[in-house]
Every structure is written in structure tokens, then in C-alpha cells.
Amino acid sequence: MSIYQELHDRGFIYQETDAENTKKLLENDKITFYVGFDPTGSSLHVGHLLPIMAMRLLQQAGHIPVVLVGGATAQVGDPSGKQSARPILTKDEVAANAECLRQQLARFISVKEGEAHFVNNIDWFKDMLYIDFLRDIGSRFSVNRMLAQESVKGRLEAGLSFLEFNYSILQAYDFYVLNRDLGCRMQFGGQDQWGNMVSGVELTRRMAQQEVYCTTFPLLLDSNGQKFGKTAGGNNVWLDTSRTSVFDYYQFWRNCEDSEVKKLLCFFTSLPVSEIDELARLEAPQINRAKEILAYEATKLAHGRDEARKAYLAAGNKFGFADAKGCIATSSELINIKADKNAGFEDLPTATLPASEVEGEGMWIIKALVAAGLCGSNGDARRLVKGGGAYIDDQRITDVNMNLNKDNFANGFIILKAGKKNIKKIIIG
């Protein structure tokens, strides 16, 4: 299968400036392409992964990615899809974030010399004179056309600063510089970037007399119509393990909706599309095996094989293994990992209760559920227990007035669970 066809079959292609020539370039040439990331935080999250996975596929097909870190554009802020302006970061914050992102991206693509380029647009913007930029670059843009871009139109009523209005021009200039210096022929990005990307194509044609192209990926939404990559509580799922544990990262994928399995396997694993089609045809409860495969493969890419294995065993030991005997065919190496009932507890998310709280009569279970972060308030914890959704070591808690004491921690820890998906290993500190 050609790389263009694979991108199409996996659902990556949403919009293209020139489908025919894009296909020819990707199938017949070894091209340099770029994807941009603004370092507005110190970690990537799941919402960033779609372009990263496409970049990975393109590199595996022999094309050379340019990872553009927007050290300059992050100081301006992209208005696309935003209801208000982003907080303006200091230059030092942006530089530190850029280095963090570089390290995380290296987990997904090869960073060997000649196989990829990492660049930062602060390098060509930092010494540029304002008047020169207005005269040489700004003069090539129509304000009327810029106002028609969705990223601008959506913010005009709420208010759009002149700073943000310049973002599209800066991103367009990035494409020109990368074409000039690295021979970059294509840009890939999210569909909300379409207007900015087309501006880059047109600017490069005008300034360098070069034909370049861009392709966008679809905006990935969850079953509730929200941006993909957030927990039920609305929090981002991060690649940084200090923000999202490996276990929670695994569980995010494992808990996807049945209807989302095929799409997510196509986007976030390297399994063949034909195999994904077979896995997606599984019905409940067998479809849970496809979710385990998705969770394992996605976690392996982000955190490595060993961490993915630990998370799989930890989750399986607490919630059950969907295919413990390996009856469902798959090319995933998950099929070679045998269920181990004694493994995984050490890698569960952990909460510590003060030793003084479990002395004597012990700690009220309602207070313990809140202290462990499994409930937001005493009222929430009461409702959970009364509804039969709270467990200690797989035993349902039936008494809302029970206390935890040292006898409960004879093994050194307990497993406290709220519902089917929220679980904590509780220790005494």
C-alpha cells in the first residue's frame, strides 16, 4: 500500500490544496515535510497525537519530517479555536517548553541525523526588524482575506488583539523559510489550521516561485462532541507521567467507547488496517480485547514496552482480562503477554494516608475516599457508598460509617475503588 493510500484509509486526510500532486509527491519522491507545535506547555497531551502519528507513518515511508517548535509563535498565540487570548509566556518559559516537547516527540519518530530536522522559529524571527517584516512580508497579505479566515471570524465578536491577528502571517513565513532552507514541500496540521496553512502555501509561491502543498487532518472529537484527549472530568491526558500516570494513560484508551475502537486503532497504532477491520467487528464482550490492544499499543508508543506491559497487567488484575487465553488473533505483541495475577499492583496510582489517621478507631471511609482523590466531597463519597460503587480489595463497602484502621493494611496496602474505572493503591505514610 502506498503511503498516500494508507493515510487515506486510516482517515488522516481531511483537506488538501492539491490532492493529485500530493499523491504523486508522496508516492514517487522522498520529500521533506513539516508539522508545527507551539510550546505553550511543558508537555504534549493526547490531543497532539494525531499529527504525530501521521508524521511517524510518513517517516517510516522514507519521507523526512521537520518538527517545527514555535518558539516565536508561542509568544503571539494562535487564535484558532480559542474563545479568548492565551496567557503570554516569557521567553524563558517558551524555551524550556520547547526542549520538553523535543524530548517527548523523540519517542515517536527517529531523530537520527538525516532522518529528521528539529527547528525553532525563534531562530529566524528573533533578529528580524519590524519595519522590514511589514514591508517585505506584511505587504503580501490581504486584510480582507485574513478577516475571512475562520480562526479570525470566530474571535471578532469576543475580541481579537492585533498581536494574535499577526499569527497567520508568522506561520505562513515559517513555510517559506523551511522551503528556502530545507527544501520543504509540504505542511501537515489540524483542520483548524487550514487558513494559516493555505497562507503559507501562497506566500511561498509568491516569494520563492515554488509549488508547495498542505494537507489537514480531521478534528478529532469524542462521542460527546468534545475535543478528544480529555478525561471524563475534562482534564487533559498528558504524556508527562508526573501529570498523568502510565496506568491512567493506559486506562484512558482502554475505556474508549465501542464505536470509537476502529477509528482510534487506525490513528494511534501501527496495526494493519485489514487487522483493525477484523478487530472492530468484534461484539461485546470480545470488543474489550480490541480496547486492550489499543491501550497497550498506544501506551507502548508513549511510554515504552515495559511500562505498557505493567499497565496492562495492573488493569487486567483489577478489572479482568478480556482475552486471557489469547484466542483473538492479532499481530500485537500483547498476545505474548500472559496474565499474571501477582503482577501490576506496584504500578497502580498511589495515595498516602497519614499514619495518625488510621490509629485507634481509624479513618472514616468517607474521609478516606476524599483524601485518596476518588471523590470530590463527603457528599459525593456518601452517594458512592450508598449506591454500591465503593470497594476495598474487590469487597463492596456497604456501611457508610465504617472506618479504615491498621488491620486493613496487613499486606502493606489496600486497593480502594470508586466505580469500575477509578482505582487507587492506598498506603500509610
Protein backbone atom coordinates (compact mmCIF):
# COMPACT_ATOMS: atom_id res chain seq x y z
CA MET A 1 0.00 0.00 0.00
CA SER A 2 1.27 3.49 -0.87
CA ILE A 3 1.74 5.91 1.99
CA TYR A 4 -0.86 8.24 0.48
CA GLN A 5 -3.38 5.42 0.33
CA GLU A 6 -2.54 4.36 3.87
CA LEU A 7 -3.08 7.88 5.20
CA HIS A 8 -6.38 7.96 3.35
CA ASP A 9 -7.51 4.53 4.57
CA ARG A 10 -6.62 5.36 8.16
CA GLY A 11 -8.66 8.55 7.99
CA PHE A 12 -5.87 11.11 8.28
CA ILE A 13 -6.66 13.18 5.19
CA TYR A 14 -9.31 15.88 5.60
CA GLN A 15 -8.39 18.77 3.26
CA GLU A 16 -5.72 19.15 0.57
CA THR A 17 -4.64 22.07 -1.57
CA ASP A 18 -3.79 19.72 -4.45
CA ALA A 19 -4.68 16.05 -3.97
CA GLU A 20 -3.24 14.87 -7.29
CA ASN A 21 0.20 16.38 -6.81
CA THR A 22 0.27 15.49 -3.12
CA LYS A 23 -0.28 11.85 -4.04
CA LYS A 24 2.43 11.96 -6.72
CA LEU A 25 4.96 13.53 -4.37
CA LEU A 26 4.34 11.08 -1.55
CA GLU A 27 4.39 8.03 -3.83
CA ASN A 28 7.23 8.93 -6.21
CA ASP A 29 9.61 11.21 -4.32
CA LYS A 30 11.41 11.42 -1.00
CA ILE A 31 10.15 14.74 0.31
CA THR A 32 10.71 16.95 3.31
CA PHE A 33 7.53 17.96 5.12
CA TYR A 34 6.78 19.81 8.31
CA VAL A 35 4.44 19.80 11.29
CA GLY A 36 4.40 22.64 13.79
CA PHE A 37 3.92 22.61 17.56
CA ASP A 38 3.62 25.71 19.72
CA PRO A 39 5.37 25.12 23.08
CA THR A 40 2.66 26.68 25.22
CA GLY A 41 3.15 23.99 27.86
CA SER A 42 5.88 21.71 29.14
CA SER A 43 4.20 18.55 27.87
CA LEU A 44 2.27 17.25 24.91
CA HIS A 45 -1.10 15.65 25.54
CA VAL A 46 -3.24 13.10 23.71
CA GLY A 47 -4.86 15.88 21.69
CA HIS A 48 -1.49 16.48 19.98
CA LEU A 49 -1.01 12.88 18.88
CA LEU A 50 -2.89 12.80 15.56
CA PRO A 51 -0.28 14.81 13.59
CA ILE A 52 2.50 12.99 15.43
CA MET A 53 1.18 9.59 14.31
CA ALA A 54 0.88 10.82 10.72
CA MET A 55 4.43 12.15 10.90
CA ARG A 56 5.57 8.75 12.15
CA LEU A 57 3.92 6.96 9.20
CA LEU A 58 5.40 9.39 6.69
CA GLN A 59 8.89 8.98 8.12
CA GLN A 60 8.57 5.19 8.03
CA ALA A 61 7.70 5.54 4.33
CA GLY A 62 11.01 7.33 3.71
CA HIS A 63 9.98 10.98 3.94
CA ILE A 64 11.84 13.43 6.17
CA PRO A 65 9.92 15.30 8.87
CA VAL A 66 10.71 18.78 10.04
CA VAL A 67 9.45 19.24 13.57
CA LEU A 68 8.90 22.96 13.95
CA VAL A 69 8.73 24.18 17.53
CA GLY A 70 7.13 27.60 17.60
CA GLY A 71 9.38 29.45 20.00
CA ALA A 72 8.31 32.71 18.34
CA THR A 73 4.68 31.98 17.50
CA ALA A 74 4.03 30.70 21.03
CA GLN A 75 4.77 34.22 22.23
CA VAL A 76 1.98 35.51 19.98
CA GLY A 77 -0.70 32.86 20.45
CA ASP A 78 -2.81 31.12 17.83
CA PRO A 79 -6.44 32.34 17.92
CA SER A 80 -7.71 29.23 16.08
CA GLY A 81 -10.47 27.56 18.07
CA LYS A 82 -9.90 29.79 21.09
CA GLN A 83 -12.57 31.88 22.79
CA SER A 84 -10.02 34.21 24.35
CA ALA A 85 -6.35 35.08 24.10
CA ARG A 86 -3.82 32.70 25.60
CA PRO A 87 -1.69 33.90 28.50
CA ILE A 88 1.55 35.35 27.17
CA LEU A 89 4.54 33.31 28.29
CA THR A 90 8.02 34.64 28.97
CA LYS A 91 10.80 33.82 26.54
CA ASP A 92 12.45 31.59 29.13
CA GLU A 93 9.22 29.64 29.66
CA VAL A 94 8.81 29.12 25.94
CA ALA A 95 12.41 27.94 25.56
CA ALA A 96 12.05 25.44 28.41
CA ASN A 97 8.77 24.12 27.00
CA ALA A 98 10.34 23.73 23.57
CA GLU A 99 13.04 21.45 24.94
CA CYS A 100 10.48 19.32 26.78
CA LEU A 101 8.46 18.88 23.61
CA ARG A 102 11.55 17.91 21.63
CA GLN A 103 12.28 15.12 24.10
CA GLN A 104 8.72 13.80 24.01
CA LEU A 105 8.48 13.85 20.22
CA ALA A 106 11.64 11.78 20.04
CA ARG A 107 9.65 8.84 21.45
CA PHE A 108 7.55 8.68 18.29
CA ILE A 109 9.95 9.40 15.44
CA SER A 110 13.60 8.76 14.67
CA VAL A 111 15.75 11.78 15.48
CA LYS A 112 18.91 10.46 13.82
CA GLU A 113 20.81 12.95 11.69
CA GLY A 114 19.48 12.92 8.15
CA GLU A 115 16.18 11.30 9.15
CA ALA A 116 14.53 14.34 10.77
CA HIS A 117 15.06 18.02 11.48
CA PHE A 118 14.16 19.85 14.68
CA VAL A 119 13.89 23.61 14.22
CA ASN A 120 12.64 26.54 16.28
CA ASN A 121 11.14 29.55 14.51
CA ILE A 122 12.60 31.90 17.11
CA ASP A 123 15.86 31.40 15.20
CA TRP A 124 14.64 33.36 12.17
CA PHE A 125 12.30 35.78 13.93
CA LYS A 126 14.49 36.93 16.83
CA ASP A 127 16.64 39.36 14.80
CA MET A 128 14.01 40.44 12.28
CA LEU A 129 13.28 44.17 12.19
CA TYR A 130 9.63 45.14 12.45
CA ILE A 131 9.57 47.61 9.57
CA ASP A 132 11.39 45.13 7.31
CA PHE A 133 8.85 42.44 8.15
CA LEU A 134 5.88 44.74 7.45
CA ARG A 135 7.34 45.86 4.14
CA ASP A 136 8.65 42.54 2.83
CA ILE A 137 6.09 40.11 4.23
CA GLY A 138 3.06 42.01 5.51
CA SER A 139 2.59 43.77 2.18
CA ARG A 140 1.80 40.40 0.56
CA PHE A 141 -1.29 39.73 2.71
CA SER A 142 -4.83 40.98 2.18
CA VAL A 143 -6.56 42.11 5.37
CA ASN A 144 -9.93 41.33 3.79
CA ARG A 145 -8.88 37.75 3.18
CA MET A 146 -7.39 37.39 6.65
CA LEU A 147 -10.65 38.60 8.19
CA ALA A 148 -12.47 35.86 6.30
CA GLN A 149 -10.44 33.08 7.92
CA GLU A 150 -12.43 31.01 10.38
CA SER A 151 -9.76 31.43 13.07
CA VAL A 152 -10.26 35.20 12.88
CA LYS A 153 -14.02 35.36 12.26
CA GLY A 154 -14.70 33.25 15.32
CA ARG A 155 -12.94 35.75 17.56
CA LEU A 156 -14.00 39.11 16.18
CA GLU A 157 -17.11 39.41 18.34
CA ALA A 158 -15.31 38.38 21.54
CA GLY A 159 -12.30 40.49 20.69
CA LEU A 160 -9.08 39.81 18.81
CA SER A 161 -5.83 41.58 19.59
CA PHE A 162 -3.54 42.88 16.87
CA LEU A 163 -0.90 40.55 18.32
CA GLU A 164 -2.99 37.45 17.59
CA PHE A 165 -4.08 38.82 14.21
CA ASN A 166 -0.44 38.55 13.11
CA TYR A 167 -0.24 34.83 13.89
CA SER A 168 -1.29 33.69 10.41
CA ILE A 169 1.41 35.82 8.79
CA LEU A 170 4.11 34.41 11.07
CA GLN A 171 3.06 30.81 10.40
CA ALA A 172 2.97 31.46 6.65
CA TYR A 173 6.51 32.83 6.80
CA ASP A 174 7.63 29.63 8.56
CA PHE A 175 6.72 27.61 5.46
CA TYR A 176 8.67 29.99 3.23
CA VAL A 177 11.79 29.72 5.42
CA LEU A 178 11.60 25.91 5.63
CA ASN A 179 11.19 25.67 1.87
CA ARG A 180 14.12 28.02 1.33
CA ASP A 181 16.48 26.40 3.82
CA LEU A 182 15.45 22.73 3.87
CA GLY A 183 13.57 22.22 0.60
CA CYS A 184 10.32 21.57 2.50
CA ARG A 185 7.48 20.81 0.06
CA MET A 186 4.52 20.01 2.32
CA GLN A 187 2.90 21.01 5.58
CA PHE A 188 0.56 18.83 7.65
CA GLY A 189 -1.64 20.02 10.50
CA GLY A 190 -5.07 20.06 12.11
CA GLN A 191 -8.13 21.21 10.18
CA ASP A 192 -8.41 24.33 12.34
CA GLN A 193 -5.08 25.42 10.81
CA TRP A 194 -6.35 25.37 7.22
CA GLY A 195 -6.40 29.14 6.71
CA ASN A 196 -2.92 29.60 8.18
CA MET A 197 -1.53 26.73 6.13
CA VAL A 198 -3.01 27.95 2.84
CA SER A 199 -1.47 31.35 3.55
CA GLY A 200 1.91 29.64 3.83
CA VAL A 201 1.43 27.85 0.51
CA GLU A 202 0.56 31.11 -1.24
CA LEU A 203 3.35 33.13 0.36
CA THR A 204 5.96 30.52 -0.60
CA ARG A 205 4.74 30.51 -4.20
CA ARG A 206 4.95 34.30 -4.38
CA MET A 207 8.30 34.74 -2.66
CA ALA A 208 10.18 31.65 -3.84
CA GLN A 209 8.26 30.70 -7.00
CA GLN A 210 7.97 27.20 -5.55
CA GLU A 211 4.95 24.91 -5.70
CA VAL A 212 4.26 23.64 -2.20
CA TYR A 213 1.24 21.91 -0.69
CA CYS A 214 -0.61 21.38 2.55
CA THR A 215 -2.92 18.72 3.98
CA THR A 216 -5.01 18.86 7.13
CA PHE A 217 -6.16 16.13 9.49
CA PRO A 218 -9.73 15.92 10.80
CA LEU A 219 -10.64 17.48 14.10
CA LEU A 220 -10.89 14.50 16.41
CA LEU A 221 -13.88 14.58 18.74
CA ASP A 222 -15.07 12.15 21.37
CA SER A 223 -18.55 10.62 21.50
CA ASN A 224 -19.84 13.73 23.31
CA GLY A 225 -18.62 16.08 20.60
CA GLN A 226 -15.77 17.40 22.76
CA LYS A 227 -12.14 17.63 21.70
CA PHE A 228 -10.53 14.23 22.01
CA GLY A 229 -7.93 13.67 24.70
CA LYS A 230 -9.67 14.64 27.92
CA THR A 231 -10.82 12.59 30.87
CA ALA A 232 -14.46 12.42 31.99
CA GLY A 233 -13.61 15.27 34.35
CA GLY A 234 -12.42 17.47 31.50
CA ASN A 235 -8.70 17.18 32.27
CA ASN A 236 -6.07 16.69 29.56
CA VAL A 237 -4.39 13.28 29.30
CA TRP A 238 -0.69 14.17 29.28
CA LEU A 239 2.41 12.36 28.10
CA ASP A 240 4.24 13.67 31.17
CA THR A 241 3.94 10.93 33.81
CA SER A 242 4.00 13.50 36.61
CA ARG A 243 0.68 14.79 35.27
CA THR A 244 -0.89 11.58 34.01
CA SER A 245 0.37 8.26 35.37
CA VAL A 246 1.13 5.46 32.92
CA PHE A 247 -1.74 3.46 34.42
CA ASP A 248 -4.20 6.33 33.90
CA TYR A 249 -2.85 6.85 30.38
CA TYR A 250 -3.48 3.18 29.60
CA GLN A 251 -6.95 3.34 31.13
CA PHE A 252 -7.87 6.38 29.04
CA TRP A 253 -7.51 4.28 25.89
CA ARG A 254 -8.94 1.12 27.44
CA ASN A 255 -12.13 2.95 28.42
CA CYS A 256 -12.97 4.28 24.96
CA GLU A 257 -16.46 3.80 23.51
CA ASP A 258 -17.11 0.67 21.43
CA SER A 259 -17.99 2.84 18.45
CA GLU A 260 -14.60 4.59 18.59
CA VAL A 261 -12.41 1.48 18.51
CA LYS A 262 -11.78 1.28 14.75
CA LYS A 263 -11.01 4.98 14.37
CA LEU A 264 -8.63 5.03 17.32
CA LEU A 265 -6.83 1.85 16.25
CA CYS A 266 -6.33 3.35 12.78
CA PHE A 267 -4.98 6.62 14.14
CA PHE A 268 -2.97 5.58 17.17
CA THR A 269 -1.49 2.16 16.42
CA SER A 270 0.62 0.66 13.65
CA LEU A 271 -1.58 -2.41 13.24
CA PRO A 272 -2.51 -3.18 9.61
CA VAL A 273 -5.82 -1.69 8.51
CA SER A 274 -7.09 -5.14 7.49
CA GLU A 275 -6.49 -6.42 11.04
CA ILE A 276 -8.15 -3.36 12.52
CA ASP A 277 -11.22 -4.06 10.42
CA GLU A 278 -11.43 -7.56 11.93
CA LEU A 279 -10.94 -6.33 15.49
CA ALA A 280 -13.58 -3.64 15.04
CA ARG A 281 -16.13 -6.28 14.03
CA LEU A 282 -15.90 -7.95 17.42
CA GLU A 283 -19.00 -7.65 19.56
CA ALA A 284 -19.31 -7.25 23.30
CA PRO A 285 -17.63 -8.56 25.37
CA GLN A 286 -14.91 -9.54 22.84
CA ILE A 287 -14.61 -5.91 21.70
CA ASN A 288 -12.85 -5.30 25.02
CA ARG A 289 -9.87 -7.23 23.67
CA ALA A 290 -9.60 -4.69 20.85
CA LYS A 291 -9.60 -1.97 23.50
CA GLU A 292 -6.82 -3.72 25.41
CA ILE A 293 -4.78 -3.88 22.20
CA LEU A 294 -5.41 -0.18 21.55
CA ALA A 295 -4.43 0.76 25.10
CA TYR A 296 -1.30 -1.39 25.07
CA GLU A 297 -0.09 -0.18 21.66
CA ALA A 298 -0.78 3.49 22.42
CA THR A 299 0.93 3.25 25.81
CA LYS A 300 3.91 1.42 24.32
CA LEU A 301 4.48 4.26 21.85
CA ALA A 302 4.26 6.95 24.51
CA HIS A 303 5.98 5.23 27.45
CA GLY A 304 7.79 2.14 26.17
CA ARG A 305 7.18 -1.59 26.10
CA ASP A 306 7.92 -2.30 29.78
CA GLU A 307 5.60 0.39 31.09
CA ALA A 308 2.83 -0.69 28.74
CA ARG A 309 3.16 -4.28 29.94
CA LYS A 310 2.94 -3.23 33.58
CA ALA A 311 -0.13 -1.10 32.93
CA TYR A 312 -1.84 -3.94 31.04
CA LEU A 313 -1.24 -6.41 33.87
CA ALA A 314 -2.25 -3.91 36.56
CA ALA A 315 -5.51 -3.10 34.77
CA GLY A 316 -6.21 -6.74 33.99
CA ASN A 317 -5.71 -7.81 37.58
CA LYS A 318 -8.16 -5.24 38.83
CA PHE A 319 -10.80 -5.25 36.11
CA GLY A 320 -10.27 -8.60 34.41
CA PHE A 321 -8.52 -9.67 31.20
CA ALA A 322 -10.67 -9.58 28.08
CA ASP A 323 -8.84 -12.48 26.38
CA ALA A 324 -6.60 -14.12 28.96
CA LYS A 325 -6.03 -17.20 26.76
CA GLY A 326 -5.12 -15.21 23.66
CA CYS A 327 -7.86 -16.64 21.45
CA ILE A 328 -8.40 -13.48 19.38
CA ALA A 329 -5.87 -13.19 16.56
CA THR A 330 -3.66 -10.09 16.48
CA SER A 331 -0.21 -9.04 15.33
CA SER A 332 0.17 -7.02 18.54
CA GLU A 333 2.85 -8.41 20.86
CA LEU A 334 0.21 -8.16 23.57
CA ILE A 335 -0.77 -11.70 22.59
CA ASN A 336 2.52 -12.94 24.07
CA ILE A 337 1.97 -11.33 27.48
CA LYS A 338 0.42 -13.86 29.80
CA ALA A 339 -1.97 -12.84 32.52
CA ASP A 340 -0.13 -12.73 35.85
CA LYS A 341 -2.38 -12.39 38.88
CA ASN A 342 0.56 -11.31 41.07
CA ALA A 343 1.76 -8.50 38.83
CA GLY A 344 0.84 -4.88 38.45
CA PHE A 345 -0.07 -3.64 41.92
CA GLU A 346 3.17 -1.72 42.28
CA ASP A 347 2.29 0.42 39.28
CA LEU A 348 -1.19 1.49 40.30
CA PRO A 349 -1.77 5.18 41.09
CA THR A 350 -0.98 5.60 44.78
CA ALA A 351 -2.36 7.77 47.54
CA THR A 352 -0.91 8.04 51.04
CA LEU A 353 -2.97 8.36 54.20
CA PRO A 354 -1.34 9.80 57.35
CA ALA A 355 -0.48 7.05 59.85
CA SER A 356 -2.07 9.10 62.62
CA GLU A 357 -5.42 8.95 60.83
CA VAL A 358 -5.65 5.15 60.95
CA GLU A 359 -4.59 4.78 64.59
CA GLY A 360 -7.15 3.63 67.15
CA GLU A 361 -10.64 3.60 65.72
CA GLY A 362 -9.28 4.55 62.33
CA MET A 363 -10.23 6.85 59.50
CA TRP A 364 -13.81 7.29 58.34
CA ILE A 365 -14.18 5.65 54.91
CA ILE A 366 -15.93 8.75 53.55
CA LYS A 367 -12.96 10.90 54.53
CA ALA A 368 -10.57 8.31 53.08
CA LEU A 369 -12.33 8.32 49.67
CA VAL A 370 -11.99 12.10 49.52
CA ALA A 371 -8.37 12.09 50.76
CA ALA A 372 -7.46 9.49 48.11
CA GLY A 373 -8.83 11.75 45.38
CA LEU A 374 -11.54 9.28 44.39
CA CYS A 375 -14.39 11.60 45.42
CA GLY A 376 -14.63 15.37 45.37
CA SER A 377 -16.54 15.80 48.61
CA ASN A 378 -18.00 13.92 51.56
CA GLY A 379 -21.39 14.14 49.88
CA ASP A 380 -20.02 12.51 46.72
CA ALA A 381 -18.42 9.77 48.81
CA ARG A 382 -21.63 9.08 50.72
CA ARG A 383 -23.60 8.75 47.48
CA LEU A 384 -20.94 6.44 46.07
CA VAL A 385 -21.08 4.09 49.06
CA LYS A 386 -24.87 4.14 49.27
CA GLY A 387 -25.04 3.39 45.55
CA GLY A 388 -22.82 0.34 45.94
CA GLY A 389 -19.94 1.74 43.90
CA ALA A 390 -17.15 1.77 46.52
CA TYR A 391 -14.83 -1.21 47.07
CA ILE A 392 -11.90 -2.24 49.24
CA ASP A 393 -9.86 -5.04 47.67
CA ASP A 394 -12.85 -6.03 45.49
CA GLN A 395 -15.20 -6.17 48.50
CA ARG A 396 -18.10 -3.75 48.22
CA ILE A 397 -18.35 -1.21 51.04
CA THR A 398 -21.86 -1.42 52.47
CA ASP A 399 -21.52 0.57 55.69
CA VAL A 400 -21.25 4.31 55.21
CA ASN A 401 -19.96 4.60 58.78
CA MET A 402 -17.11 2.10 58.58
CA ASN A 403 -13.54 3.10 59.44
CA LEU A 404 -10.19 2.12 57.98
CA ASN A 405 -7.61 1.06 60.58
CA LYS A 406 -4.24 -0.65 60.63
CA ASP A 407 -5.83 -4.08 60.39
CA ASN A 408 -6.96 -3.25 56.86
CA PHE A 409 -3.34 -2.67 55.87
CA ALA A 410 -1.96 -6.07 56.93
CA ASN A 411 -0.48 -6.54 53.45
CA GLY A 412 1.06 -3.06 53.45
CA PHE A 413 -1.61 -1.52 51.24
CA ILE A 414 -5.24 -1.71 50.19
CA ILE A 415 -6.91 -1.16 46.84
CA LEU A 416 -9.67 1.42 47.03
CA LYS A 417 -12.03 1.68 44.07
CA ALA A 418 -14.75 4.16 43.12
CA GLY A 419 -16.94 2.69 40.39
CA LYS A 420 -15.46 0.50 37.69
CA LYS A 421 -12.73 2.79 36.43
CA ASN A 422 -11.29 4.85 39.29
CA ILE A 423 -8.81 2.96 41.42
CA LYS A 424 -6.05 3.84 43.89
CA LYS A 425 -3.47 1.88 45.81
CA ILE A 426 -3.62 3.23 49.38
CA ILE A 427 -0.60 3.14 51.68
CA ILE A 428 0.10 4.57 55.12
CA GLY A 429 2.72 7.30 55.36
